[in-house]
Amino acid sequence: MQLLVRGDRTCVVEVGQGATVQTLLQAACDREGSVPAHAARLIHGGRALDADASLASYAIASGATLQLVSRLRGGAGGLTVHPRLQRERWSLYWKETMATTTDLLDDIALDLDPVTATPADVLTATAAAQGWAPVADLLALEGFEGPWERLLFQGRELEAGTPLTEQGVPAGAELTAVRLALVAEGWKIQADDDDLSSSSDDEAAFVQLHAHQRTGVRAQ
């Protein structure tokens, strides 16, 4: 039967119906070439496979996709996260983003195993490390419906609840975590002989309050 194995490269491996995990692992490493079999493991359905077990015992049939990942000391994975704070000036009148700036923050290292960890776990750990408020505590400004945070790998957004290895993220990978911060931009109508303009004092106070309470960004 033919199986798809994803590592640094993606390859098709053909093994017999009664093959063991070790047989597939050895064949995949021979084809992939970046890691020896003794330093690798196979992942399927979010769990590491026992090398001595048969593929049939895991209900792995022809056409299935497995992940080939490196073993790290201690059996744990490590991830590097590049945090990004994306500040968006949000118009309360137009209910849309008027301008965006992005802060590039210092990288952080997380001791998470990509076999079991999900993007949601990475984002939660990143928020804690940065001192950001949990997403559940944030209140969106009127008209805002987008996600507060995203996790990217090689320019691709990851699904929050799916284990990292199932999305092709290996141990030691570098990820980009983006947290959104809305900065409210309000308007008021002046008297008939005045122009339509922003309310400077009220708006400044409003922005400072909501930058802290509504975006999880600490007011300076």
N, C-alpha and C. Protein backbone atom coordinates (compact mmCIF):
# COMPACT_ATOMS: atom_id res chain seq x y z
N MET A 1 0.85 -1.20 0.00
CA MET A 1 0.00 0.00 0.00
C MET A 1 0.88 1.24 0.00
N GLN A 2 0.35 2.33 -0.55
CA GLN A 2 1.09 3.57 -0.64
C GLN A 2 0.64 4.55 0.44
N LEU A 3 1.62 5.17 1.09
CA LEU A 3 1.35 6.12 2.16
C LEU A 3 2.11 7.42 1.88
N LEU A 4 1.53 8.54 2.30
CA LEU A 4 2.16 9.84 2.13
C LEU A 4 2.82 10.23 3.45
N VAL A 5 4.12 10.48 3.42
CA VAL A 5 4.86 10.85 4.63
C VAL A 5 5.42 12.26 4.45
N ARG A 6 5.10 13.12 5.41
CA ARG A 6 5.53 14.52 5.35
C ARG A 6 6.60 14.80 6.39
N GLY A 7 7.76 15.24 5.95
CA GLY A 7 8.84 15.67 6.82
C GLY A 7 9.35 16.99 6.30
N ASP A 8 10.67 17.14 6.17
CA ASP A 8 11.20 18.33 5.50
C ASP A 8 10.76 18.33 4.04
N ARG A 9 10.60 17.12 3.50
CA ARG A 9 10.03 16.95 2.17
C ARG A 9 8.86 15.98 2.28
N THR A 10 8.00 15.99 1.28
CA THR A 10 6.87 15.05 1.24
C THR A 10 7.19 13.95 0.24
N CYS A 11 7.01 12.71 0.67
CA CYS A 11 7.31 11.59 -0.22
C CYS A 11 6.25 10.51 -0.10
N VAL A 12 6.13 9.72 -1.15
CA VAL A 12 5.21 8.58 -1.17
C VAL A 12 6.03 7.33 -0.90
N VAL A 13 5.58 6.54 0.09
CA VAL A 13 6.30 5.33 0.47
C VAL A 13 5.37 4.13 0.30
N GLU A 14 5.88 3.09 -0.30
CA GLU A 14 5.07 1.88 -0.51
C GLU A 14 5.58 0.77 0.40
N VAL A 15 4.67 0.19 1.18
CA VAL A 15 5.00 -0.92 2.09
C VAL A 15 3.94 -2.00 1.96
N GLY A 16 4.24 -3.18 2.50
CA GLY A 16 3.28 -4.27 2.45
C GLY A 16 2.14 -4.10 3.43
N GLN A 17 1.07 -4.85 3.25
CA GLN A 17 -0.11 -4.75 4.09
C GLN A 17 0.20 -5.05 5.56
N GLY A 18 1.14 -5.97 5.81
CA GLY A 18 1.46 -6.34 7.19
C GLY A 18 2.65 -5.59 7.76
N ALA A 19 3.03 -4.49 7.16
CA ALA A 19 4.23 -3.76 7.59
C ALA A 19 4.07 -3.17 8.98
N THR A 20 5.20 -3.05 9.66
CA THR A 20 5.22 -2.41 10.97
C THR A 20 5.53 -0.92 10.81
N VAL A 21 5.34 -0.19 11.90
CA VAL A 21 5.68 1.23 11.90
C VAL A 21 7.17 1.41 11.62
N GLN A 22 8.00 0.53 12.19
CA GLN A 22 9.44 0.63 11.97
C GLN A 22 9.80 0.46 10.50
N THR A 23 9.12 -0.45 9.82
CA THR A 23 9.38 -0.66 8.39
C THR A 23 9.09 0.61 7.61
N LEU A 24 7.95 1.22 7.90
CA LEU A 24 7.58 2.46 7.22
C LEU A 24 8.55 3.58 7.59
N LEU A 25 8.92 3.66 8.87
CA LEU A 25 9.83 4.70 9.33
C LEU A 25 11.17 4.61 8.60
N GLN A 26 11.71 3.40 8.50
CA GLN A 26 12.99 3.21 7.83
C GLN A 26 12.90 3.59 6.35
N ALA A 27 11.82 3.16 5.71
CA ALA A 27 11.64 3.47 4.29
C ALA A 27 11.48 4.97 4.07
N ALA A 28 10.74 5.62 4.97
CA ALA A 28 10.52 7.06 4.84
C ALA A 28 11.82 7.83 5.04
N CYS A 29 12.61 7.42 6.03
CA CYS A 29 13.88 8.10 6.29
C CYS A 29 14.86 7.90 5.13
N ASP A 30 14.84 6.72 4.55
CA ASP A 30 15.70 6.47 3.39
C ASP A 30 15.33 7.37 2.22
N ARG A 31 14.03 7.58 2.05
CA ARG A 31 13.55 8.43 0.94
C ARG A 31 13.76 9.91 1.25
N GLU A 32 13.45 10.29 2.49
CA GLU A 32 13.49 11.70 2.87
C GLU A 32 14.91 12.21 3.02
N GLY A 33 15.75 11.41 3.69
CA GLY A 33 17.18 11.68 3.73
C GLY A 33 17.69 12.70 4.72
N SER A 34 16.83 13.39 5.47
CA SER A 34 17.31 14.45 6.35
C SER A 34 17.55 13.99 7.78
N VAL A 35 17.01 12.84 8.16
CA VAL A 35 17.15 12.37 9.53
C VAL A 35 17.20 10.84 9.53
N PRO A 36 18.09 10.23 10.34
CA PRO A 36 18.14 8.77 10.41
C PRO A 36 16.95 8.21 11.17
N ALA A 37 16.62 6.96 10.90
CA ALA A 37 15.43 6.35 11.49
C ALA A 37 15.48 6.33 13.01
N HIS A 38 16.67 6.12 13.59
CA HIS A 38 16.76 6.03 15.06
C HIS A 38 16.51 7.39 15.73
N ALA A 39 16.58 8.47 14.96
CA ALA A 39 16.37 9.80 15.52
C ALA A 39 15.05 10.41 15.07
N ALA A 40 14.14 9.57 14.59
CA ALA A 40 12.86 10.07 14.09
C ALA A 40 11.71 9.24 14.62
N ARG A 41 10.52 9.75 14.43
CA ARG A 41 9.30 9.01 14.78
C ARG A 41 8.20 9.41 13.82
N LEU A 42 7.18 8.58 13.77
CA LEU A 42 6.04 8.85 12.89
C LEU A 42 4.83 9.26 13.73
N ILE A 43 4.08 10.21 13.20
CA ILE A 43 2.88 10.72 13.87
C ILE A 43 1.68 10.50 12.98
N HIS A 44 0.60 10.02 13.59
CA HIS A 44 -0.64 9.85 12.83
C HIS A 44 -1.81 10.12 13.77
N GLY A 45 -2.73 10.96 13.33
CA GLY A 45 -3.88 11.27 14.17
C GLY A 45 -3.52 11.98 15.45
N GLY A 46 -2.39 12.72 15.44
CA GLY A 46 -1.99 13.49 16.60
C GLY A 46 -1.23 12.71 17.66
N ARG A 47 -0.87 11.45 17.39
CA ARG A 47 -0.12 10.67 18.38
C ARG A 47 1.09 10.00 17.74
N ALA A 48 2.12 9.81 18.57
CA ALA A 48 3.33 9.14 18.11
C ALA A 48 3.07 7.64 18.03
N LEU A 49 3.57 7.00 16.97
CA LEU A 49 3.33 5.58 16.76
C LEU A 49 4.46 4.74 17.35
N ASP A 50 4.09 3.60 17.93
CA ASP A 50 5.06 2.65 18.48
C ASP A 50 5.74 1.94 17.32
N ALA A 51 7.06 2.00 17.28
CA ALA A 51 7.81 1.44 16.16
C ALA A 51 7.57 -0.05 15.97
N ASP A 52 7.30 -0.78 17.06
CA ASP A 52 7.13 -2.23 16.97
C ASP A 52 5.72 -2.65 16.58
N ALA A 53 4.79 -1.72 16.60
CA ALA A 53 3.40 -2.06 16.28
C ALA A 53 3.20 -2.12 14.77
N SER A 54 2.16 -2.80 14.37
CA SER A 54 1.83 -2.87 12.94
C SER A 54 1.02 -1.65 12.54
N LEU A 55 1.10 -1.30 11.28
CA LEU A 55 0.29 -0.19 10.78
C LEU A 55 -1.19 -0.49 10.91
N ALA A 56 -1.54 -1.76 10.74
CA ALA A 56 -2.94 -2.16 10.83
C ALA A 56 -3.51 -1.92 12.22
N SER A 57 -2.66 -2.04 13.25
CA SER A 57 -3.14 -1.84 14.63
C SER A 57 -3.56 -0.40 14.87
N TYR A 58 -3.08 0.51 14.04
CA TYR A 58 -3.48 1.92 14.13
C TYR A 58 -4.52 2.27 13.06
N ALA A 59 -5.04 1.24 12.40
CA ALA A 59 -6.05 1.44 11.35
C ALA A 59 -5.54 2.35 10.24
N ILE A 60 -4.25 2.23 9.92
CA ILE A 60 -3.65 3.02 8.85
C ILE A 60 -3.80 2.26 7.54
N ALA A 61 -4.54 2.85 6.63
CA ALA A 61 -4.82 2.20 5.34
C ALA A 61 -4.09 2.93 4.22
N SER A 62 -4.09 2.31 3.05
CA SER A 62 -3.44 2.91 1.89
C SER A 62 -4.01 4.30 1.62
N GLY A 63 -3.12 5.25 1.34
CA GLY A 63 -3.53 6.62 1.07
C GLY A 63 -3.47 7.53 2.28
N ALA A 64 -3.17 6.95 3.46
CA ALA A 64 -3.11 7.76 4.68
C ALA A 64 -1.89 8.68 4.65
N THR A 65 -1.97 9.76 5.43
CA THR A 65 -0.87 10.71 5.54
C THR A 65 -0.30 10.68 6.96
N LEU A 66 1.02 10.58 7.07
CA LEU A 66 1.70 10.57 8.36
C LEU A 66 2.75 11.67 8.39
N GLN A 67 3.14 12.07 9.61
CA GLN A 67 4.16 13.09 9.79
C GLN A 67 5.45 12.44 10.28
N LEU A 68 6.57 12.82 9.70
CA LEU A 68 7.89 12.36 10.12
C LEU A 68 8.56 13.50 10.88
N VAL A 69 8.84 13.29 12.18
CA VAL A 69 9.43 14.34 13.00
C VAL A 69 10.68 13.81 13.70
N SER A 70 11.56 14.73 14.05
CA SER A 70 12.79 14.36 14.75
C SER A 70 12.51 14.16 16.23
N ARG A 71 13.22 13.21 16.82
CA ARG A 71 13.16 13.03 18.26
C ARG A 71 14.10 14.04 18.90
N LEU A 72 13.62 14.69 19.98
CA LEU A 72 14.48 15.60 20.72
C LEU A 72 14.77 15.02 22.09
N ARG A 73 15.87 15.42 22.71
CA ARG A 73 16.21 14.91 24.02
C ARG A 73 15.09 15.18 25.00
N GLY A 74 14.83 14.18 25.84
CA GLY A 74 13.77 14.33 26.82
C GLY A 74 12.41 14.06 26.22
N GLY A 75 12.33 13.81 24.94
CA GLY A 75 11.06 13.50 24.31
C GLY A 75 10.17 14.70 24.10
N ALA A 76 10.69 15.90 24.34
CA ALA A 76 9.85 17.09 24.23
C ALA A 76 10.28 17.91 23.03
N GLY A 77 9.35 18.69 22.53
CA GLY A 77 9.67 19.54 21.40
C GLY A 77 10.00 20.94 21.86
N GLY A 78 10.56 21.73 20.99
CA GLY A 78 10.84 23.11 21.29
C GLY A 78 10.42 23.96 20.12
N LEU A 79 9.88 25.13 20.40
CA LEU A 79 9.39 26.01 19.35
C LEU A 79 9.90 27.42 19.60
N THR A 80 10.21 28.13 18.54
CA THR A 80 10.57 29.54 18.62
C THR A 80 9.42 30.35 18.05
N VAL A 81 8.99 31.35 18.82
CA VAL A 81 7.86 32.17 18.39
C VAL A 81 8.31 33.61 18.19
N HIS A 82 7.93 34.17 17.05
CA HIS A 82 8.18 35.58 16.76
C HIS A 82 6.88 36.35 17.05
N PRO A 83 6.76 37.01 18.21
CA PRO A 83 5.52 37.74 18.51
C PRO A 83 5.41 39.03 17.70
N ARG A 84 4.21 39.31 17.24
CA ARG A 84 3.94 40.53 16.50
C ARG A 84 2.69 41.19 17.08
N LEU A 85 2.78 42.47 17.40
CA LEU A 85 1.62 43.21 17.88
C LEU A 85 1.14 44.11 16.76
N GLN A 86 -0.02 43.80 16.22
CA GLN A 86 -0.57 44.54 15.07
C GLN A 86 -1.58 45.56 15.57
N ARG A 87 -1.18 46.84 15.53
CA ARG A 87 -2.04 47.92 16.01
C ARG A 87 -2.87 48.48 14.86
N GLU A 88 -4.17 48.47 15.02
CA GLU A 88 -5.06 48.98 13.97
C GLU A 88 -5.90 50.13 14.51
N ARG A 89 -5.85 51.25 13.78
CA ARG A 89 -6.72 52.39 14.14
C ARG A 89 -8.11 52.09 13.59
N TRP A 90 -9.05 51.92 14.50
CA TRP A 90 -10.39 51.47 14.15
C TRP A 90 -11.36 52.64 14.17
N SER A 91 -11.97 52.92 13.04
CA SER A 91 -12.92 54.03 12.94
C SER A 91 -14.27 53.61 13.52
N LEU A 92 -14.71 54.30 14.55
CA LEU A 92 -16.02 54.02 15.13
C LEU A 92 -17.14 54.48 14.20
N TYR A 93 -16.81 55.41 13.30
CA TYR A 93 -17.82 55.90 12.35
C TYR A 93 -17.96 54.94 11.17
N TRP A 94 -16.83 54.59 10.55
CA TRP A 94 -16.87 53.72 9.38
C TRP A 94 -16.87 52.24 9.74
N LYS A 95 -16.49 51.95 10.99
CA LYS A 95 -16.42 50.56 11.48
C LYS A 95 -15.48 49.71 10.62
N GLU A 96 -14.30 50.26 10.41
CA GLU A 96 -13.27 49.54 9.67
C GLU A 96 -11.90 50.09 10.03
N THR A 97 -10.86 49.35 9.65
CA THR A 97 -9.49 49.76 9.94
C THR A 97 -9.06 50.88 9.01
N MET A 98 -8.49 51.95 9.59
CA MET A 98 -8.04 53.08 8.79
C MET A 98 -6.53 53.06 8.56
N ALA A 99 -5.79 52.45 9.49
CA ALA A 99 -4.33 52.37 9.35
C ALA A 99 -3.82 51.25 10.24
N THR A 100 -2.70 50.65 9.85
CA THR A 100 -2.13 49.53 10.60
C THR A 100 -0.63 49.70 10.78
N THR A 101 -0.15 49.47 11.99
CA THR A 101 1.28 49.41 12.26
C THR A 101 1.55 48.11 13.02
N THR A 102 2.73 47.54 12.80
CA THR A 102 3.06 46.27 13.45
C THR A 102 4.35 46.40 14.24
N ASP A 103 4.30 46.02 15.52
CA ASP A 103 5.48 46.01 16.38
C ASP A 103 6.11 44.62 16.34
N LEU A 104 7.42 44.56 16.05
CA LEU A 104 8.15 43.30 16.04
C LEU A 104 8.79 43.13 17.42
N LEU A 105 8.31 42.17 18.18
CA LEU A 105 8.76 41.97 19.55
C LEU A 105 9.85 40.91 19.62
N ASP A 106 10.51 40.83 20.78
CA ASP A 106 11.59 39.86 20.95
C ASP A 106 11.08 38.43 20.86
N ASP A 107 11.88 37.57 20.23
CA ASP A 107 11.51 36.16 20.11
C ASP A 107 11.43 35.50 21.48
N ILE A 108 10.59 34.48 21.57
CA ILE A 108 10.50 33.70 22.80
C ILE A 108 10.60 32.22 22.45
N ALA A 109 11.12 31.43 23.38
CA ALA A 109 11.23 29.98 23.20
C ALA A 109 10.20 29.30 24.09
N LEU A 110 9.44 28.38 23.51
CA LEU A 110 8.41 27.66 24.25
C LEU A 110 8.76 26.18 24.30
N ASP A 111 8.65 25.60 25.49
CA ASP A 111 8.93 24.18 25.66
C ASP A 111 7.63 23.41 25.44
N LEU A 112 7.20 23.34 24.19
CA LEU A 112 5.98 22.63 23.82
C LEU A 112 6.30 21.55 22.81
N ASP A 113 5.62 20.42 22.94
CA ASP A 113 5.80 19.31 22.01
C ASP A 113 4.81 19.46 20.87
N PRO A 114 5.28 19.64 19.64
CA PRO A 114 4.37 19.84 18.51
C PRO A 114 3.49 18.64 18.21
N VAL A 115 3.81 17.49 18.79
CA VAL A 115 2.97 16.31 18.59
C VAL A 115 1.62 16.49 19.27
N THR A 116 1.63 17.09 20.45
CA THR A 116 0.40 17.25 21.22
C THR A 116 -0.09 18.69 21.28
N ALA A 117 0.81 19.66 21.12
CA ALA A 117 0.42 21.06 21.24
C ALA A 117 -0.33 21.53 20.00
N THR A 118 -1.29 22.42 20.21
CA THR A 118 -2.06 23.02 19.13
C THR A 118 -1.67 24.49 19.00
N PRO A 119 -2.03 25.15 17.89
CA PRO A 119 -1.80 26.58 17.77
C PRO A 119 -2.43 27.37 18.92
N ALA A 120 -3.58 26.91 19.40
CA ALA A 120 -4.22 27.59 20.53
C ALA A 120 -3.32 27.56 21.76
N ASP A 121 -2.63 26.43 21.99
CA ASP A 121 -1.70 26.32 23.12
C ASP A 121 -0.54 27.30 22.95
N VAL A 122 -0.02 27.40 21.74
CA VAL A 122 1.10 28.30 21.46
C VAL A 122 0.68 29.75 21.68
N LEU A 123 -0.50 30.12 21.21
CA LEU A 123 -0.97 31.49 21.36
C LEU A 123 -1.22 31.83 22.83
N THR A 124 -1.75 30.88 23.59
CA THR A 124 -1.98 31.11 25.01
C THR A 124 -0.66 31.32 25.75
N ALA A 125 0.33 30.48 25.44
CA ALA A 125 1.64 30.60 26.08
C ALA A 125 2.33 31.90 25.68
N THR A 126 2.17 32.30 24.43
CA THR A 126 2.77 33.55 23.95
C THR A 126 2.16 34.75 24.66
N ALA A 127 0.84 34.74 24.79
CA ALA A 127 0.15 35.84 25.48
C ALA A 127 0.61 35.96 26.92
N ALA A 128 0.77 34.82 27.59
CA ALA A 128 1.23 34.83 28.98
C ALA A 128 2.65 35.39 29.08
N ALA A 129 3.51 35.00 28.15
CA ALA A 129 4.90 35.47 28.16
C ALA A 129 5.00 36.97 27.89
N GLN A 130 4.07 37.48 27.08
CA GLN A 130 4.10 38.90 26.72
C GLN A 130 3.30 39.77 27.69
N GLY A 131 2.56 39.15 28.59
CA GLY A 131 1.73 39.91 29.51
C GLY A 131 0.46 40.43 28.88
N TRP A 132 0.03 39.81 27.79
CA TRP A 132 -1.21 40.20 27.14
C TRP A 132 -2.40 39.57 27.84
N ALA A 133 -3.52 40.25 27.83
CA ALA A 133 -4.74 39.71 28.41
C ALA A 133 -5.23 38.53 27.58
N PRO A 134 -5.86 37.54 28.21
CA PRO A 134 -6.44 36.42 27.45
C PRO A 134 -7.49 36.93 26.47
N VAL A 135 -7.59 36.29 25.33
CA VAL A 135 -8.56 36.70 24.32
C VAL A 135 -9.98 36.70 24.88
N ALA A 136 -10.27 35.75 25.76
CA ALA A 136 -11.62 35.65 26.32
C ALA A 136 -12.01 36.89 27.12
N ASP A 137 -11.01 37.66 27.58
CA ASP A 137 -11.28 38.85 28.39
C ASP A 137 -11.39 40.12 27.55
N LEU A 138 -11.17 40.03 26.25
CA LEU A 138 -11.18 41.21 25.40
C LEU A 138 -12.58 41.54 24.91
N LEU A 139 -12.86 42.83 24.78
CA LEU A 139 -14.14 43.30 24.27
C LEU A 139 -13.91 44.01 22.94
N ALA A 140 -14.59 43.55 21.92
CA ALA A 140 -14.40 44.12 20.59
C ALA A 140 -15.11 45.47 20.46
N LEU A 141 -14.49 46.38 19.71
CA LEU A 141 -15.15 47.63 19.39
C LEU A 141 -16.27 47.37 18.39
N GLU A 142 -17.23 48.28 18.34
CA GLU A 142 -18.40 48.10 17.48
C GLU A 142 -17.99 47.88 16.02
N GLY A 143 -18.51 46.81 15.43
CA GLY A 143 -18.23 46.50 14.04
C GLY A 143 -17.07 45.55 13.82
N PHE A 144 -16.27 45.32 14.86
CA PHE A 144 -15.11 44.43 14.72
C PHE A 144 -15.55 42.97 14.86
N GLU A 145 -15.22 42.15 13.87
CA GLU A 145 -15.61 40.74 13.90
C GLU A 145 -14.42 39.80 13.63
N GLY A 146 -13.26 40.35 13.38
CA GLY A 146 -12.11 39.52 13.02
C GLY A 146 -11.51 38.80 14.22
N PRO A 147 -10.60 37.85 13.98
CA PRO A 147 -9.94 37.16 15.08
C PRO A 147 -8.94 38.08 15.78
N TRP A 148 -8.78 37.89 17.08
CA TRP A 148 -7.83 38.70 17.84
C TRP A 148 -6.40 38.25 17.62
N GLU A 149 -6.20 36.98 17.31
CA GLU A 149 -4.85 36.48 17.17
C GLU A 149 -4.78 35.36 16.14
N ARG A 150 -3.58 35.19 15.59
CA ARG A 150 -3.34 34.15 14.57
C ARG A 150 -1.95 33.58 14.78
N LEU A 151 -1.77 32.33 14.36
CA LEU A 151 -0.46 31.70 14.39
C LEU A 151 -0.10 31.28 12.97
N LEU A 152 1.08 31.69 12.51
CA LEU A 152 1.49 31.44 11.13
C LEU A 152 2.74 30.57 11.09
N PHE A 153 2.81 29.71 10.09
CA PHE A 153 4.00 28.90 9.84
C PHE A 153 4.30 28.94 8.35
N GLN A 154 5.47 29.47 8.02
CA GLN A 154 5.88 29.62 6.63
C GLN A 154 4.81 30.35 5.81
N GLY A 155 4.26 31.42 6.40
CA GLY A 155 3.28 32.25 5.73
C GLY A 155 1.87 31.69 5.68
N ARG A 156 1.66 30.55 6.32
CA ARG A 156 0.35 29.88 6.28
C ARG A 156 -0.29 29.94 7.66
N GLU A 157 -1.56 30.36 7.72
CA GLU A 157 -2.26 30.40 9.00
C GLU A 157 -2.66 29.00 9.43
N LEU A 158 -2.42 28.69 10.71
CA LEU A 158 -2.69 27.36 11.24
C LEU A 158 -4.06 27.30 11.90
N GLU A 159 -4.67 26.13 11.85
CA GLU A 159 -5.97 25.91 12.49
C GLU A 159 -5.77 25.77 13.99
N ALA A 160 -6.56 26.50 14.76
CA ALA A 160 -6.34 26.62 16.20
C ALA A 160 -6.38 25.29 16.95
N GLY A 161 -7.30 24.40 16.60
CA GLY A 161 -7.49 23.19 17.39
C GLY A 161 -6.81 21.95 16.89
N THR A 162 -6.04 22.03 15.81
CA THR A 162 -5.39 20.86 15.23
C THR A 162 -3.93 20.79 15.67
N PRO A 163 -3.44 19.62 16.15
CA PRO A 163 -2.05 19.51 16.57
C PRO A 163 -1.08 20.02 15.51
N LEU A 164 0.01 20.60 15.96
CA LEU A 164 0.96 21.22 15.05
C LEU A 164 1.54 20.25 14.04
N THR A 165 1.88 19.03 14.48
CA THR A 165 2.49 18.09 13.55
C THR A 165 1.53 17.70 12.43
N GLU A 166 0.23 17.70 12.71
CA GLU A 166 -0.74 17.36 11.68
C GLU A 166 -0.83 18.46 10.63
N GLN A 167 -0.29 19.63 10.95
CA GLN A 167 -0.29 20.74 10.00
C GLN A 167 1.11 20.98 9.42
N GLY A 168 1.97 19.97 9.58
CA GLY A 168 3.29 20.05 8.98
C GLY A 168 4.31 20.87 9.74
N VAL A 169 4.06 21.11 11.04
CA VAL A 169 4.99 21.89 11.86
C VAL A 169 5.90 20.93 12.63
N PRO A 170 7.20 20.89 12.33
CA PRO A 170 8.11 19.96 13.00
C PRO A 170 8.63 20.53 14.31
N ALA A 171 9.27 19.68 15.10
CA ALA A 171 9.94 20.15 16.31
C ALA A 171 11.03 21.14 15.92
N GLY A 172 11.20 22.18 16.74
CA GLY A 172 12.21 23.19 16.45
C GLY A 172 11.78 24.24 15.46
N ALA A 173 10.52 24.22 15.05
CA ALA A 173 10.03 25.16 14.03
C ALA A 173 9.97 26.58 14.58
N GLU A 174 9.97 27.54 13.66
CA GLU A 174 9.80 28.94 14.00
C GLU A 174 8.42 29.38 13.55
N LEU A 175 7.65 29.95 14.48
CA LEU A 175 6.27 30.35 14.22
C LEU A 175 6.12 31.85 14.46
N THR A 176 5.14 32.44 13.84
CA THR A 176 4.84 33.85 14.04
C THR A 176 3.46 33.99 14.67
N ALA A 177 3.42 34.61 15.85
CA ALA A 177 2.16 34.83 16.56
C ALA A 177 1.77 36.30 16.43
N VAL A 178 0.58 36.55 15.92
CA VAL A 178 0.10 37.91 15.70
C VAL A 178 -1.07 38.20 16.63
N ARG A 179 -0.92 39.24 17.46
CA ARG A 179 -2.02 39.69 18.34
C ARG A 179 -2.49 41.05 17.84
N LEU A 180 -3.79 41.20 17.74
CA LEU A 180 -4.38 42.44 17.25
C LEU A 180 -4.68 43.39 18.41
N ALA A 181 -4.42 44.67 18.22
CA ALA A 181 -4.74 45.71 19.19
C ALA A 181 -5.51 46.80 18.47
N LEU A 182 -6.76 47.01 18.86
CA LEU A 182 -7.59 48.04 18.24
C LEU A 182 -7.42 49.35 18.98
N VAL A 183 -7.17 50.42 18.24
CA VAL A 183 -7.09 51.76 18.80
C VAL A 183 -8.26 52.55 18.24
N ALA A 184 -9.20 52.91 19.10
CA ALA A 184 -10.43 53.54 18.65
C ALA A 184 -10.18 54.95 18.12
N GLU A 185 -10.85 55.27 17.03
CA GLU A 185 -10.76 56.59 16.42
C GLU A 185 -12.17 57.13 16.31
N GLY A 186 -12.55 58.07 17.22
CA GLY A 186 -13.92 58.55 17.28
C GLY A 186 -14.09 59.92 16.64
N TRP A 187 -15.35 60.27 16.38
CA TRP A 187 -15.68 61.55 15.77
C TRP A 187 -16.88 62.15 16.50
N LYS A 188 -16.96 63.50 16.47
CA LYS A 188 -18.15 64.14 17.01
C LYS A 188 -18.57 65.27 16.07
N ILE A 189 -19.84 65.62 16.07
CA ILE A 189 -20.36 66.69 15.21
C ILE A 189 -20.33 68.00 15.98
N GLN A 190 -19.65 68.99 15.43
CA GLN A 190 -19.53 70.29 16.06
C GLN A 190 -20.78 71.13 15.74
N ALA A 191 -20.75 72.35 16.19
CA ALA A 191 -21.83 73.29 15.87
C ALA A 191 -21.86 73.55 14.37
N ASP A 192 -22.95 74.17 13.90
CA ASP A 192 -23.14 74.36 12.46
C ASP A 192 -22.00 75.14 11.81
N ASP A 193 -21.38 76.05 12.56
CA ASP A 193 -20.33 76.87 11.96
C ASP A 193 -18.95 76.26 12.12
N ASP A 194 -18.87 75.03 12.65
CA ASP A 194 -17.58 74.35 12.80
C ASP A 194 -17.46 73.22 11.80
N ASP A 195 -16.22 72.83 11.52
CA ASP A 195 -15.98 71.68 10.65
C ASP A 195 -16.19 70.39 11.44
N LEU A 196 -16.42 69.32 10.70
CA LEU A 196 -16.49 67.99 11.31
C LEU A 196 -15.06 67.55 11.63
N SER A 197 -14.78 67.27 12.90
CA SER A 197 -13.41 66.92 13.28
C SER A 197 -13.41 65.93 14.41
N SER A 198 -12.26 65.37 14.67
CA SER A 198 -12.14 64.40 15.76
C SER A 198 -12.11 65.13 17.09
N SER A 199 -12.60 64.51 18.13
CA SER A 199 -12.62 65.10 19.46
C SER A 199 -11.30 64.75 20.14
N SER A 200 -10.36 65.68 20.13
CA SER A 200 -8.99 65.37 20.53
C SER A 200 -8.87 64.89 21.97
N ASP A 201 -9.41 65.68 22.93
CA ASP A 201 -9.25 65.30 24.34
C ASP A 201 -10.02 64.04 24.67
N ASP A 202 -11.30 64.00 24.26
CA ASP A 202 -12.13 62.83 24.55
C ASP A 202 -11.55 61.60 23.87
N GLU A 203 -11.10 61.76 22.64
CA GLU A 203 -10.58 60.61 21.89
C GLU A 203 -9.31 60.08 22.53
N ALA A 204 -8.44 60.99 22.98
CA ALA A 204 -7.18 60.55 23.59
C ALA A 204 -7.46 59.71 24.83
N ALA A 205 -8.41 60.18 25.65
CA ALA A 205 -8.76 59.43 26.85
C ALA A 205 -9.39 58.10 26.48
N PHE A 206 -10.24 58.13 25.45
CA PHE A 206 -10.92 56.90 25.00
C PHE A 206 -9.91 55.88 24.51
N VAL A 207 -8.94 56.34 23.72
CA VAL A 207 -7.93 55.44 23.16
C VAL A 207 -7.10 54.82 24.27
N GLN A 208 -6.68 55.66 25.25
CA GLN A 208 -5.85 55.14 26.33
C GLN A 208 -6.61 54.09 27.14
N LEU A 209 -7.88 54.34 27.42
CA LEU A 209 -8.69 53.40 28.18
C LEU A 209 -8.86 52.10 27.43
N HIS A 210 -9.22 52.16 26.15
CA HIS A 210 -9.54 50.95 25.40
C HIS A 210 -8.29 50.20 24.96
N ALA A 211 -7.17 50.88 24.83
CA ALA A 211 -5.94 50.17 24.51
C ALA A 211 -5.58 49.22 25.64
N HIS A 212 -5.94 49.61 26.87
CA HIS A 212 -5.65 48.75 28.02
C HIS A 212 -6.75 47.72 28.26
N GLN A 213 -8.00 48.17 28.26
CA GLN A 213 -9.10 47.29 28.65
C GLN A 213 -9.59 46.41 27.52
N ARG A 214 -9.47 46.83 26.29
CA ARG A 214 -10.12 46.11 25.20
C ARG A 214 -9.16 45.36 24.30
N THR A 215 -7.89 45.64 24.40
CA THR A 215 -6.97 44.94 23.51
C THR A 215 -5.95 44.10 24.25
N GLY A 216 -5.90 44.21 25.55
CA GLY A 216 -4.92 43.45 26.30
C GLY A 216 -3.55 44.08 26.28
N VAL A 217 -3.42 45.28 25.73
CA VAL A 217 -2.14 45.98 25.71
C VAL A 217 -2.09 46.90 26.91
N ARG A 218 -1.05 46.82 27.68
CA ARG A 218 -0.95 47.63 28.89
C ARG A 218 -0.73 49.10 28.53
N ALA A 219 -1.52 49.98 29.12
CA ALA A 219 -1.35 51.41 28.88
C ALA A 219 -0.06 51.88 29.53
N GLN A 220 0.69 52.69 28.82
CA GLN A 220 1.98 53.19 29.33
C GLN A 220 1.76 54.48 30.11
